[in-house]
């Protein structure tokens, strides 16, 4: 039986109550210089919507109305091997749950209904800054500290440090264990894990600022 207290279920109730997806899922797309240039050109001039949130984050929207530009953007995204969910896994799971229920309840389902779609905001992977996410591990499940570090070395390069470690580059982690600091360097990254069909631990990434809910909504059929 699914845990009804899980974070994605309140989002399911919100989508059903509003009949709309209001919280975009943040996805990262791989290297695409033409798309970067095209989107930068679209975002010139005065935006249709420009709001400064209470936290000081500015949210600006430039709708694309030119059919040829829309077609080219669509083609460039269609050509990509994958998009990577960077923030919004609960939102995407909730949208999928709502869509599954509506497909089952709709005897005339065609696949073209809006509930089959997902509200996303896509950013180039090189524009994302992943912040460090701090965790406390309280139980090593019977492992000694040496055995625990040995397990980590299967996936990470560990370097002892005389001072506290804060990540400074891609794939870096700081570990304080047994009264000592270590710098851990991951031998792979989020995209590689996704490409391999593996699953990252919960809350593996942290992005700031957050995209505001409700600026753009996807109304469902």
N, C-alpha and C. Protein backbone atom coordinates (compact mmCIF):
# COMPACT_ATOMS: atom_id res chain seq x y z
N UNK A 1 0.84 -1.19 0.00
CA UNK A 1 0.00 0.00 0.00
C UNK A 1 0.88 1.25 0.00
N UNK A 2 0.71 2.15 -0.95
CA UNK A 2 1.53 3.37 -0.98
C UNK A 2 1.37 4.20 0.28
N UNK A 3 2.43 4.86 0.67
CA UNK A 3 2.41 5.74 1.83
C UNK A 3 1.70 7.04 1.44
N UNK A 4 0.48 7.23 1.97
CA UNK A 4 -0.31 8.41 1.60
C UNK A 4 0.27 9.71 2.16
N UNK A 5 1.25 9.60 3.06
CA UNK A 5 1.87 10.81 3.59
C UNK A 5 3.06 11.25 2.76
N UNK A 6 3.41 10.46 1.74
CA UNK A 6 4.56 10.81 0.91
C UNK A 6 4.33 12.16 0.24
N UNK A 7 5.40 12.94 0.01
CA UNK A 7 5.24 14.31 -0.50
C UNK A 7 4.48 14.41 -1.82
N UNK A 8 4.54 13.37 -2.67
CA UNK A 8 3.90 13.50 -3.97
C UNK A 8 2.37 13.46 -3.89
N UNK A 9 1.82 12.88 -2.81
CA UNK A 9 0.37 12.73 -2.76
C UNK A 9 -0.36 14.05 -2.49
N UNK A 10 0.13 14.94 -1.63
CA UNK A 10 -0.48 16.28 -1.56
C UNK A 10 -0.47 16.99 -2.91
N UNK A 11 0.57 16.77 -3.70
CA UNK A 11 0.64 17.38 -5.04
C UNK A 11 -0.42 16.77 -5.94
N UNK A 12 -0.70 15.47 -5.79
CA UNK A 12 -1.78 14.84 -6.56
C UNK A 12 -3.10 15.51 -6.22
N UNK A 13 -3.35 15.71 -4.92
CA UNK A 13 -4.61 16.35 -4.51
C UNK A 13 -4.71 17.78 -5.03
N UNK A 14 -3.56 18.47 -5.07
CA UNK A 14 -3.57 19.84 -5.58
C UNK A 14 -3.92 19.86 -7.07
N UNK A 15 -3.29 18.98 -7.85
CA UNK A 15 -3.56 18.92 -9.29
C UNK A 15 -5.04 18.61 -9.54
N UNK A 16 -5.57 17.65 -8.79
CA UNK A 16 -6.97 17.27 -8.98
C UNK A 16 -7.91 18.42 -8.58
N UNK A 17 -7.58 19.12 -7.49
CA UNK A 17 -8.45 20.20 -7.03
C UNK A 17 -8.46 21.37 -8.00
N UNK A 18 -7.30 21.70 -8.56
CA UNK A 18 -7.19 22.84 -9.47
C UNK A 18 -7.45 22.45 -10.92
N UNK A 19 -7.44 21.15 -11.20
CA UNK A 19 -7.52 20.65 -12.58
C UNK A 19 -6.41 21.27 -13.43
N UNK A 20 -5.24 21.38 -12.83
CA UNK A 20 -4.11 21.99 -13.54
C UNK A 20 -2.80 21.63 -12.84
N UNK A 21 -1.74 21.55 -13.63
CA UNK A 21 -0.39 21.48 -13.08
C UNK A 21 0.11 22.92 -12.96
N UNK A 22 0.49 23.33 -11.76
CA UNK A 22 0.94 24.71 -11.54
C UNK A 22 2.42 24.79 -11.17
N UNK A 23 3.02 23.68 -10.83
CA UNK A 23 4.43 23.67 -10.43
C UNK A 23 5.29 23.02 -11.49
N UNK A 24 6.12 23.78 -12.19
CA UNK A 24 6.94 23.19 -13.26
C UNK A 24 8.04 22.29 -12.71
N UNK A 25 8.35 21.27 -13.47
CA UNK A 25 9.47 20.38 -13.17
C UNK A 25 10.71 20.94 -13.86
N UNK A 26 11.80 21.04 -13.13
CA UNK A 26 13.03 21.58 -13.71
C UNK A 26 13.80 20.44 -14.36
N UNK A 27 14.08 20.58 -15.67
CA UNK A 27 14.88 19.58 -16.37
C UNK A 27 16.10 20.25 -16.98
N UNK A 28 17.15 19.48 -17.11
CA UNK A 28 18.38 19.96 -17.75
C UNK A 28 18.53 19.27 -19.09
N UNK A 29 18.95 20.04 -20.10
CA UNK A 29 19.19 19.43 -21.40
C UNK A 29 20.68 19.44 -21.72
N UNK A 30 21.15 18.44 -22.49
CA UNK A 30 22.58 18.35 -22.81
C UNK A 30 23.01 19.47 -23.76
N UNK A 31 24.28 19.48 -24.06
CA UNK A 31 24.88 20.54 -24.88
C UNK A 31 24.12 20.74 -26.19
N UNK A 32 23.66 21.98 -26.41
CA UNK A 32 22.89 22.31 -27.62
C UNK A 32 23.09 23.79 -27.93
N UNK A 33 24.24 24.16 -28.53
CA UNK A 33 24.54 25.57 -28.77
C UNK A 33 23.49 26.30 -29.58
N UNK A 34 22.93 25.64 -30.59
CA UNK A 34 21.92 26.32 -31.41
C UNK A 34 20.68 26.65 -30.58
N UNK A 35 20.28 25.74 -29.73
CA UNK A 35 19.11 25.99 -28.88
C UNK A 35 19.41 27.10 -27.89
N UNK A 36 20.60 27.10 -27.29
CA UNK A 36 20.98 28.16 -26.36
C UNK A 36 20.89 29.53 -27.03
N UNK A 37 21.42 29.60 -28.24
CA UNK A 37 21.42 30.86 -28.98
C UNK A 37 20.00 31.29 -29.34
N UNK A 38 19.18 30.33 -29.74
CA UNK A 38 17.81 30.62 -30.14
C UNK A 38 17.00 31.14 -28.95
N UNK A 39 17.14 30.50 -27.80
CA UNK A 39 16.40 30.91 -26.61
C UNK A 39 16.88 32.27 -26.10
N UNK A 40 18.19 32.52 -26.20
CA UNK A 40 18.72 33.82 -25.80
C UNK A 40 18.15 34.92 -26.67
N UNK A 41 17.98 34.62 -27.97
CA UNK A 41 17.43 35.62 -28.89
C UNK A 41 15.95 35.88 -28.57
N UNK A 42 15.23 34.82 -28.21
CA UNK A 42 13.81 34.96 -27.86
C UNK A 42 13.65 35.82 -26.61
N UNK A 43 14.61 35.71 -25.69
CA UNK A 43 14.50 36.41 -24.39
C UNK A 43 15.03 37.84 -24.43
N UNK A 44 15.18 38.39 -25.60
CA UNK A 44 15.56 39.79 -25.72
C UNK A 44 14.32 40.68 -25.70
N UNK A 45 14.50 41.91 -25.31
CA UNK A 45 13.37 42.83 -25.28
C UNK A 45 12.59 42.74 -23.98
N UNK A 46 11.41 43.33 -23.98
CA UNK A 46 10.58 43.41 -22.79
C UNK A 46 9.76 42.13 -22.62
N UNK A 47 9.84 41.48 -21.47
CA UNK A 47 9.05 40.25 -21.27
C UNK A 47 7.57 40.56 -21.12
N UNK A 48 6.73 39.58 -21.42
CA UNK A 48 5.28 39.75 -21.23
C UNK A 48 4.93 39.77 -19.75
N UNK A 49 5.69 39.04 -18.95
CA UNK A 49 5.46 38.97 -17.51
C UNK A 49 6.79 39.12 -16.80
N UNK A 50 6.82 39.97 -15.79
CA UNK A 50 8.07 40.22 -15.07
C UNK A 50 7.73 40.46 -13.61
N UNK A 51 8.04 39.49 -12.76
CA UNK A 51 7.65 39.59 -11.36
C UNK A 51 8.86 39.40 -10.46
N UNK A 52 8.94 40.20 -9.41
CA UNK A 52 9.99 40.07 -8.41
C UNK A 52 9.36 39.47 -7.16
N UNK A 53 9.80 38.25 -6.81
CA UNK A 53 9.23 37.56 -5.66
C UNK A 53 9.76 38.14 -4.35
N UNK A 54 9.12 37.74 -3.24
CA UNK A 54 9.51 38.24 -1.93
C UNK A 54 10.95 37.88 -1.58
N UNK A 55 11.44 36.78 -2.15
CA UNK A 55 12.81 36.36 -1.84
C UNK A 55 13.85 37.05 -2.73
N UNK A 56 13.40 38.00 -3.56
CA UNK A 56 14.32 38.75 -4.41
C UNK A 56 14.61 38.12 -5.74
N UNK A 57 13.98 36.99 -6.04
CA UNK A 57 14.20 36.30 -7.31
C UNK A 57 13.27 36.86 -8.37
N UNK A 58 13.82 37.19 -9.52
CA UNK A 58 13.04 37.74 -10.62
C UNK A 58 12.60 36.61 -11.55
N UNK A 59 11.32 36.61 -11.90
CA UNK A 59 10.74 35.62 -12.82
C UNK A 59 10.20 36.37 -14.03
N UNK A 60 10.82 36.17 -15.19
CA UNK A 60 10.40 36.85 -16.42
C UNK A 60 10.02 35.82 -17.47
N UNK A 61 8.99 36.13 -18.26
CA UNK A 61 8.47 35.20 -19.26
C UNK A 61 8.38 35.91 -20.62
N UNK A 62 8.98 35.27 -21.63
CA UNK A 62 8.89 35.74 -23.01
C UNK A 62 8.19 34.65 -23.84
N UNK A 63 6.90 34.74 -24.09
CA UNK A 63 6.23 33.73 -24.92
C UNK A 63 6.79 33.71 -26.35
N UNK A 64 6.84 32.53 -26.94
CA UNK A 64 7.29 32.37 -28.33
C UNK A 64 6.03 32.21 -29.19
N UNK A 65 5.84 33.15 -30.10
CA UNK A 65 4.62 33.14 -30.91
C UNK A 65 4.91 32.84 -32.39
N UNK A 66 6.16 32.93 -32.80
CA UNK A 66 6.50 32.69 -34.20
C UNK A 66 6.49 31.19 -34.48
N UNK A 67 5.70 30.76 -35.46
CA UNK A 67 5.52 29.33 -35.73
C UNK A 67 6.83 28.66 -36.13
N UNK A 68 7.62 29.35 -36.94
CA UNK A 68 8.89 28.75 -37.39
C UNK A 68 9.86 28.56 -36.23
N UNK A 69 9.88 29.53 -35.31
CA UNK A 69 10.76 29.42 -34.14
C UNK A 69 10.30 28.29 -33.24
N UNK A 70 8.99 28.16 -33.05
CA UNK A 70 8.44 27.07 -32.23
C UNK A 70 8.80 25.73 -32.84
N UNK A 71 8.68 25.64 -34.17
CA UNK A 71 8.99 24.38 -34.86
C UNK A 71 10.46 24.01 -34.69
N UNK A 72 11.34 25.01 -34.78
CA UNK A 72 12.78 24.73 -34.65
C UNK A 72 13.14 24.33 -33.23
N UNK A 73 12.57 25.02 -32.24
CA UNK A 73 12.80 24.65 -30.84
C UNK A 73 12.32 23.22 -30.59
N UNK A 74 11.14 22.90 -31.12
CA UNK A 74 10.60 21.55 -30.96
C UNK A 74 11.51 20.51 -31.59
N UNK A 75 12.01 20.80 -32.79
CA UNK A 75 12.89 19.85 -33.48
C UNK A 75 14.19 19.63 -32.71
N UNK A 76 14.73 20.70 -32.14
CA UNK A 76 15.98 20.58 -31.39
C UNK A 76 15.79 19.75 -30.13
N UNK A 77 14.66 19.93 -29.45
CA UNK A 77 14.39 19.11 -28.27
C UNK A 77 14.11 17.66 -28.67
N UNK A 78 13.39 17.46 -29.76
CA UNK A 78 13.09 16.10 -30.22
C UNK A 78 14.37 15.33 -30.56
N UNK A 79 15.40 16.04 -30.99
CA UNK A 79 16.64 15.39 -31.40
C UNK A 79 17.53 15.00 -30.21
N UNK A 80 17.18 15.47 -29.03
CA UNK A 80 18.02 15.18 -27.86
C UNK A 80 17.83 13.74 -27.39
N UNK A 81 18.91 13.09 -26.96
CA UNK A 81 18.79 11.71 -26.49
C UNK A 81 18.04 11.59 -25.18
N UNK A 82 18.08 12.65 -24.35
CA UNK A 82 17.43 12.59 -23.04
C UNK A 82 17.33 13.98 -22.44
N UNK A 83 16.37 14.15 -21.55
CA UNK A 83 16.29 15.31 -20.66
C UNK A 83 16.39 14.76 -19.24
N UNK A 84 17.01 15.52 -18.35
CA UNK A 84 17.28 15.02 -17.01
C UNK A 84 16.52 15.83 -15.97
N UNK A 85 15.65 15.15 -15.20
CA UNK A 85 14.92 15.83 -14.14
C UNK A 85 15.92 16.19 -13.05
N UNK A 86 16.06 17.48 -12.81
CA UNK A 86 17.00 17.95 -11.81
C UNK A 86 16.31 18.35 -10.52
N UNK A 87 15.07 18.80 -10.61
CA UNK A 87 14.29 19.17 -9.43
C UNK A 87 12.82 19.02 -9.79
N UNK A 88 12.06 18.27 -8.98
CA UNK A 88 10.64 18.10 -9.26
C UNK A 88 10.23 16.66 -9.47
N UNK A 89 10.96 15.73 -8.86
CA UNK A 89 10.60 14.32 -9.03
C UNK A 89 9.21 14.02 -8.45
N UNK A 90 8.86 14.64 -7.32
CA UNK A 90 7.54 14.43 -6.75
C UNK A 90 6.46 15.02 -7.65
N UNK A 91 6.74 16.18 -8.25
CA UNK A 91 5.77 16.80 -9.15
C UNK A 91 5.54 15.93 -10.39
N UNK A 92 6.62 15.37 -10.93
CA UNK A 92 6.46 14.52 -12.12
C UNK A 92 5.75 13.22 -11.75
N UNK A 93 6.04 12.67 -10.56
CA UNK A 93 5.35 11.45 -10.13
C UNK A 93 3.86 11.72 -9.91
N UNK A 94 3.55 12.89 -9.33
CA UNK A 94 2.15 13.23 -9.11
C UNK A 94 1.41 13.41 -10.43
N UNK A 95 2.05 14.09 -11.40
CA UNK A 95 1.42 14.28 -12.71
C UNK A 95 1.17 12.93 -13.40
N UNK A 96 2.13 12.02 -13.26
CA UNK A 96 1.97 10.68 -13.86
C UNK A 96 0.82 9.93 -13.20
N UNK A 97 0.69 10.08 -11.89
CA UNK A 97 -0.38 9.40 -11.16
C UNK A 97 -1.76 9.93 -11.59
N UNK A 98 -1.86 11.26 -11.71
CA UNK A 98 -3.12 11.86 -12.16
C UNK A 98 -3.44 11.40 -13.59
N UNK A 99 -2.43 11.41 -14.46
CA UNK A 99 -2.65 11.01 -15.85
C UNK A 99 -3.11 9.56 -15.94
N UNK A 100 -2.52 8.68 -15.14
CA UNK A 100 -2.91 7.27 -15.17
C UNK A 100 -4.37 7.10 -14.76
N UNK A 101 -4.79 7.85 -13.74
CA UNK A 101 -6.18 7.76 -13.31
C UNK A 101 -7.15 8.28 -14.35
N UNK A 102 -6.76 9.36 -15.02
CA UNK A 102 -7.66 9.93 -16.02
C UNK A 102 -7.71 9.08 -17.30
N UNK A 103 -6.58 8.46 -17.63
CA UNK A 103 -6.61 7.55 -18.78
C UNK A 103 -7.56 6.38 -18.52
N UNK A 104 -7.48 5.85 -17.32
CA UNK A 104 -8.32 4.71 -16.97
C UNK A 104 -9.80 5.08 -16.96
N UNK A 105 -10.09 6.32 -16.57
CA UNK A 105 -11.49 6.76 -16.46
C UNK A 105 -12.05 7.30 -17.77
N UNK A 106 -11.21 7.43 -18.78
CA UNK A 106 -11.64 8.05 -20.04
C UNK A 106 -11.76 6.98 -21.13
N UNK A 107 -12.97 6.54 -21.46
CA UNK A 107 -13.14 5.50 -22.48
C UNK A 107 -12.77 5.98 -23.87
N UNK A 108 -12.65 7.29 -24.05
CA UNK A 108 -12.30 7.85 -25.36
C UNK A 108 -10.87 8.39 -25.38
N UNK A 109 -10.06 7.88 -24.50
CA UNK A 109 -8.66 8.34 -24.42
C UNK A 109 -7.95 8.17 -25.77
N UNK A 110 -7.25 9.24 -26.18
CA UNK A 110 -6.53 9.20 -27.47
C UNK A 110 -5.03 9.37 -27.32
N UNK A 111 -4.60 9.89 -26.18
CA UNK A 111 -3.19 10.20 -25.99
C UNK A 111 -2.86 11.65 -26.26
N UNK A 112 -3.83 12.39 -26.81
CA UNK A 112 -3.62 13.79 -27.13
C UNK A 112 -4.12 14.72 -26.02
N UNK A 113 -4.73 14.18 -24.98
CA UNK A 113 -5.26 15.00 -23.90
C UNK A 113 -4.13 15.69 -23.14
N UNK A 114 -4.45 16.85 -22.57
CA UNK A 114 -3.42 17.61 -21.87
C UNK A 114 -2.92 16.91 -20.63
N UNK A 115 -3.73 16.01 -20.05
CA UNK A 115 -3.25 15.31 -18.85
C UNK A 115 -2.10 14.34 -19.16
N UNK A 116 -1.85 14.09 -20.44
CA UNK A 116 -0.71 13.27 -20.82
C UNK A 116 0.60 14.06 -20.87
N UNK A 117 0.51 15.37 -20.67
CA UNK A 117 1.67 16.25 -20.76
C UNK A 117 2.19 16.60 -19.38
N UNK A 118 3.40 17.15 -19.35
CA UNK A 118 4.04 17.54 -18.10
C UNK A 118 4.55 18.97 -18.23
N UNK A 119 4.26 19.79 -17.23
CA UNK A 119 4.71 21.18 -17.21
C UNK A 119 6.18 21.21 -16.78
N UNK A 120 7.06 21.64 -17.67
CA UNK A 120 8.49 21.65 -17.36
C UNK A 120 9.12 22.98 -17.74
N UNK A 121 10.23 23.27 -17.10
CA UNK A 121 11.11 24.36 -17.51
C UNK A 121 12.47 23.73 -17.75
N UNK A 122 13.02 23.95 -18.95
CA UNK A 122 14.28 23.32 -19.33
C UNK A 122 15.42 24.34 -19.34
N UNK A 123 16.53 23.96 -18.73
CA UNK A 123 17.71 24.80 -18.69
C UNK A 123 18.89 24.04 -19.28
N UNK A 124 19.83 24.73 -19.93
CA UNK A 124 21.05 24.05 -20.37
C UNK A 124 21.83 23.55 -19.15
N UNK A 125 22.40 22.36 -19.26
CA UNK A 125 23.06 21.76 -18.10
C UNK A 125 24.20 22.63 -17.58
N UNK A 126 24.85 23.38 -18.49
CA UNK A 126 25.99 24.19 -18.07
C UNK A 126 25.57 25.44 -17.30
N UNK A 127 24.26 25.76 -17.33
CA UNK A 127 23.78 26.95 -16.62
C UNK A 127 23.32 26.63 -15.20
N UNK A 128 23.28 25.36 -14.84
CA UNK A 128 22.81 24.97 -13.52
C UNK A 128 23.95 24.97 -12.53
N UNK A 129 23.67 25.48 -11.35
CA UNK A 129 24.65 25.43 -10.26
C UNK A 129 24.05 24.56 -9.16
N UNK A 130 24.60 23.38 -8.98
CA UNK A 130 24.09 22.45 -7.98
C UNK A 130 24.74 22.77 -6.64
N UNK A 131 23.93 23.10 -5.66
CA UNK A 131 24.43 23.45 -4.34
C UNK A 131 24.67 22.20 -3.51
N UNK A 132 25.56 22.31 -2.54
CA UNK A 132 25.83 21.17 -1.67
C UNK A 132 24.61 20.89 -0.79
N UNK A 133 24.36 19.63 -0.56
CA UNK A 133 23.22 19.18 0.23
C UNK A 133 23.79 18.44 1.44
N UNK A 134 23.57 18.96 2.63
CA UNK A 134 24.20 18.42 3.84
C UNK A 134 23.34 17.33 4.47
N UNK A 135 23.97 16.22 4.84
CA UNK A 135 23.28 15.10 5.46
C UNK A 135 24.05 14.62 6.69
N UNK A 136 23.31 14.02 7.62
CA UNK A 136 23.92 13.38 8.78
C UNK A 136 23.58 11.89 8.72
N UNK A 137 24.59 11.05 8.67
CA UNK A 137 24.41 9.60 8.68
C UNK A 137 24.60 9.12 10.12
N UNK A 138 23.54 8.61 10.73
CA UNK A 138 23.57 8.25 12.15
C UNK A 138 23.88 6.79 12.40
N UNK A 139 23.79 5.96 11.37
CA UNK A 139 23.95 4.52 11.57
C UNK A 139 24.70 3.93 10.39
N UNK A 140 25.82 3.27 10.66
CA UNK A 140 26.62 2.65 9.59
C UNK A 140 26.21 1.19 9.37
N UNK A 141 25.08 0.78 9.96
CA UNK A 141 24.54 -0.59 9.77
C UNK A 141 25.59 -1.66 10.09
N UNK A 142 26.26 -1.46 11.21
CA UNK A 142 27.19 -2.48 11.68
C UNK A 142 28.59 -2.39 11.11
N UNK A 143 28.80 -1.50 10.14
CA UNK A 143 30.13 -1.36 9.56
C UNK A 143 31.04 -0.55 10.49
N UNK A 144 32.29 -0.94 10.52
CA UNK A 144 33.27 -0.09 11.19
C UNK A 144 33.55 1.12 10.30
N UNK A 145 34.20 2.14 10.86
CA UNK A 145 34.52 3.32 10.05
C UNK A 145 35.42 2.93 8.89
N UNK A 146 36.40 2.08 9.13
CA UNK A 146 37.31 1.65 8.06
C UNK A 146 36.55 0.91 6.96
N UNK A 147 35.61 0.04 7.38
CA UNK A 147 34.83 -0.72 6.39
C UNK A 147 33.92 0.22 5.60
N UNK A 148 33.36 1.21 6.29
CA UNK A 148 32.50 2.20 5.62
C UNK A 148 33.29 2.98 4.57
N UNK A 149 34.47 3.44 4.93
CA UNK A 149 35.31 4.17 3.99
C UNK A 149 35.72 3.29 2.82
N UNK A 150 35.95 2.03 3.09
CA UNK A 150 36.31 1.10 2.01
C UNK A 150 35.16 0.96 1.02
N UNK A 151 33.92 0.93 1.53
CA UNK A 151 32.76 0.88 0.65
C UNK A 151 32.67 2.13 -0.22
N UNK A 152 32.94 3.28 0.40
CA UNK A 152 32.89 4.53 -0.35
C UNK A 152 33.92 4.56 -1.46
N UNK A 153 35.08 3.98 -1.21
CA UNK A 153 36.15 3.99 -2.22
C UNK A 153 35.80 3.19 -3.46
N UNK A 154 34.74 2.38 -3.38
CA UNK A 154 34.30 1.65 -4.58
C UNK A 154 33.72 2.61 -5.61
N UNK A 155 33.19 3.76 -5.16
CA UNK A 155 32.54 4.73 -6.06
C UNK A 155 33.22 6.09 -6.05
N UNK A 156 34.00 6.37 -5.02
CA UNK A 156 34.60 7.69 -4.85
C UNK A 156 36.12 7.59 -4.70
N UNK A 157 36.78 8.68 -5.03
CA UNK A 157 38.17 8.86 -4.64
C UNK A 157 38.18 9.66 -3.36
N UNK A 158 38.79 9.13 -2.29
CA UNK A 158 38.81 9.78 -0.98
C UNK A 158 40.19 10.36 -0.71
N UNK A 159 40.21 11.64 -0.35
CA UNK A 159 41.47 12.32 -0.02
C UNK A 159 41.33 12.95 1.36
N UNK A 160 42.15 12.54 2.35
CA UNK A 160 42.08 13.14 3.68
C UNK A 160 42.35 14.65 3.60
N UNK A 161 41.69 15.40 4.48
CA UNK A 161 41.86 16.85 4.52
C UNK A 161 42.06 17.31 5.96
N UNK A 162 42.98 18.24 6.16
CA UNK A 162 43.25 18.76 7.50
C UNK A 162 42.22 19.81 7.90
N UNK A 163 41.42 20.30 6.95
CA UNK A 163 40.42 21.32 7.23
C UNK A 163 39.06 20.88 6.70
N UNK A 164 38.02 21.59 7.13
CA UNK A 164 36.67 21.27 6.68
C UNK A 164 36.57 21.38 5.16
N UNK A 165 35.83 20.47 4.55
CA UNK A 165 35.73 20.41 3.09
C UNK A 165 34.36 20.90 2.65
N UNK A 166 34.34 21.87 1.75
CA UNK A 166 33.11 22.32 1.09
C UNK A 166 33.29 22.09 -0.40
N UNK A 167 32.31 21.48 -1.06
CA UNK A 167 32.45 21.20 -2.50
C UNK A 167 32.80 22.46 -3.29
N UNK A 168 33.76 22.33 -4.17
CA UNK A 168 34.19 23.47 -4.98
C UNK A 168 34.11 23.19 -6.47
N UNK A 169 33.80 21.97 -6.85
CA UNK A 169 33.74 21.63 -8.27
C UNK A 169 32.78 20.47 -8.45
N UNK A 170 32.47 20.20 -9.69
CA UNK A 170 31.53 19.13 -10.04
C UNK A 170 32.01 17.79 -9.50
N UNK A 171 31.10 17.07 -8.81
CA UNK A 171 31.43 15.73 -8.33
C UNK A 171 32.13 15.68 -7.00
N UNK A 172 32.28 16.84 -6.33
CA UNK A 172 32.98 16.89 -5.04
C UNK A 172 32.00 16.79 -3.87
N UNK A 173 32.44 16.11 -2.81
CA UNK A 173 31.68 16.02 -1.57
C UNK A 173 32.65 16.19 -0.40
N UNK A 174 32.15 16.70 0.70
CA UNK A 174 32.92 16.73 1.93
C UNK A 174 32.38 15.68 2.88
N UNK A 175 33.24 14.94 3.53
CA UNK A 175 32.83 13.89 4.47
C UNK A 175 33.57 14.09 5.78
N UNK A 176 32.82 14.16 6.88
CA UNK A 176 33.42 14.20 8.21
C UNK A 176 33.06 12.90 8.90
N UNK A 177 34.04 12.08 9.18
CA UNK A 177 33.79 10.74 9.70
C UNK A 177 34.95 10.34 10.60
N UNK A 178 34.63 9.83 11.79
CA UNK A 178 35.67 9.37 12.70
C UNK A 178 36.61 10.47 13.15
N UNK A 179 36.09 11.71 13.21
CA UNK A 179 36.91 12.82 13.66
C UNK A 179 37.84 13.38 12.60
N UNK A 180 37.65 12.97 11.34
CA UNK A 180 38.52 13.45 10.26
C UNK A 180 37.68 13.87 9.06
N UNK A 181 38.19 14.87 8.32
CA UNK A 181 37.57 15.32 7.08
C UNK A 181 38.19 14.60 5.89
N UNK A 182 37.34 14.33 4.90
CA UNK A 182 37.81 13.75 3.64
C UNK A 182 37.14 14.51 2.49
N UNK A 183 37.84 14.66 1.40
CA UNK A 183 37.24 15.13 0.16
C UNK A 183 36.91 13.90 -0.69
N UNK A 184 35.63 13.78 -1.06
CA UNK A 184 35.20 12.66 -1.89
C UNK A 184 34.92 13.16 -3.30
N UNK A 185 35.48 12.50 -4.27
CA UNK A 185 35.25 12.85 -5.68
C UNK A 185 34.55 11.70 -6.36
N UNK A 186 33.34 11.98 -6.84
CA UNK A 186 32.53 10.97 -7.50
C UNK A 186 33.11 10.61 -8.85
N UNK A 187 33.10 9.33 -9.17
CA UNK A 187 33.67 8.91 -10.46
C UNK A 187 32.64 8.94 -11.58
N UNK A 188 31.41 9.39 -11.29
CA UNK A 188 30.37 9.55 -12.31
C UNK A 188 29.53 10.74 -11.91
N UNK A 189 28.42 11.04 -12.64
CA UNK A 189 27.55 12.16 -12.28
C UNK A 189 26.10 11.80 -12.47
N UNK A 190 25.21 12.80 -12.19
CA UNK A 190 23.78 12.55 -12.21
C UNK A 190 23.31 12.05 -13.57
N UNK A 191 23.78 12.66 -14.64
CA UNK A 191 23.35 12.25 -15.99
C UNK A 191 23.80 10.83 -16.29
N UNK A 192 25.02 10.48 -15.88
CA UNK A 192 25.53 9.13 -16.14
C UNK A 192 24.72 8.09 -15.37
N UNK A 193 24.33 8.42 -14.14
CA UNK A 193 23.50 7.51 -13.36
C UNK A 193 22.16 7.29 -14.05
N UNK A 194 21.54 8.38 -14.53
CA UNK A 194 20.26 8.27 -15.22
C UNK A 194 20.40 7.46 -16.51
N UNK A 195 21.47 7.71 -17.27
CA UNK A 195 21.69 6.99 -18.54
C UNK A 195 21.86 5.50 -18.30
N UNK A 196 22.40 5.14 -17.14
CA UNK A 196 22.62 3.73 -16.82
C UNK A 196 21.37 3.06 -16.27
N UNK A 197 20.28 3.85 -16.11
CA UNK A 197 19.05 3.29 -15.59
C UNK A 197 19.06 3.09 -14.09
N UNK A 198 20.01 3.71 -13.41
CA UNK A 198 20.11 3.59 -11.96
C UNK A 198 19.31 4.70 -11.28
N UNK A 199 19.19 4.63 -9.96
CA UNK A 199 18.40 5.58 -9.19
C UNK A 199 19.28 6.28 -8.18
N UNK A 200 19.20 7.61 -8.14
CA UNK A 200 19.93 8.38 -7.14
C UNK A 200 19.19 8.32 -5.81
N UNK A 201 19.89 8.49 -4.67
CA UNK A 201 19.21 8.55 -3.38
C UNK A 201 18.28 9.75 -3.33
N UNK A 202 17.24 9.70 -2.46
CA UNK A 202 16.35 10.87 -2.31
C UNK A 202 17.13 12.11 -1.94
N UNK A 203 16.67 13.25 -2.45
CA UNK A 203 17.28 14.55 -2.16
C UNK A 203 18.77 14.57 -2.47
N UNK A 204 19.12 14.08 -3.66
CA UNK A 204 20.53 14.06 -4.06
C UNK A 204 20.98 15.42 -4.60
N UNK A 205 20.03 16.24 -5.01
CA UNK A 205 20.39 17.54 -5.59
C UNK A 205 19.61 18.65 -4.92
N UNK A 206 20.19 19.82 -4.94
CA UNK A 206 19.53 21.00 -4.37
C UNK A 206 19.81 22.18 -5.28
N UNK A 207 18.74 22.81 -5.75
CA UNK A 207 18.86 23.95 -6.65
C UNK A 207 18.22 25.18 -6.03
N UNK A 208 18.81 26.31 -6.26
CA UNK A 208 18.29 27.57 -5.77
C UNK A 208 18.68 28.65 -6.78
N UNK A 209 17.76 29.56 -7.15
CA UNK A 209 16.41 29.72 -6.62
C UNK A 209 15.42 28.71 -7.21
N UNK A 210 14.32 28.54 -6.50
CA UNK A 210 13.26 27.65 -6.96
C UNK A 210 12.36 28.38 -7.96
N UNK A 211 11.82 27.62 -8.90
CA UNK A 211 10.87 28.17 -9.85
C UNK A 211 9.53 28.39 -9.14
N UNK A 212 8.91 29.51 -9.37
CA UNK A 212 7.68 29.85 -8.68
C UNK A 212 6.49 29.08 -9.26
N UNK A 213 5.62 28.60 -8.38
CA UNK A 213 4.39 27.96 -8.83
C UNK A 213 3.41 29.00 -9.35
N UNK A 214 2.62 28.62 -10.34
CA UNK A 214 1.49 29.43 -10.77
C UNK A 214 1.79 30.49 -11.82
N UNK A 215 3.06 30.77 -12.11
CA UNK A 215 3.35 31.75 -13.16
C UNK A 215 2.88 31.22 -14.51
N UNK A 216 3.09 29.93 -14.72
CA UNK A 216 2.60 29.25 -15.92
C UNK A 216 1.90 27.98 -15.43
N UNK A 217 0.73 27.70 -15.95
CA UNK A 217 -0.01 26.51 -15.55
C UNK A 217 -0.44 25.71 -16.77
N UNK A 218 -0.55 24.41 -16.58
CA UNK A 218 -1.05 23.52 -17.62
C UNK A 218 -2.44 23.05 -17.18
N UNK A 219 -3.48 23.58 -17.84
CA UNK A 219 -4.86 23.20 -17.52
C UNK A 219 -5.14 21.84 -18.15
N UNK A 220 -5.75 20.95 -17.37
CA UNK A 220 -5.97 19.58 -17.82
C UNK A 220 -7.36 19.41 -18.44
N UNK A 221 -7.46 18.42 -19.33
CA UNK A 221 -8.75 18.11 -19.95
C UNK A 221 -9.67 17.49 -18.89
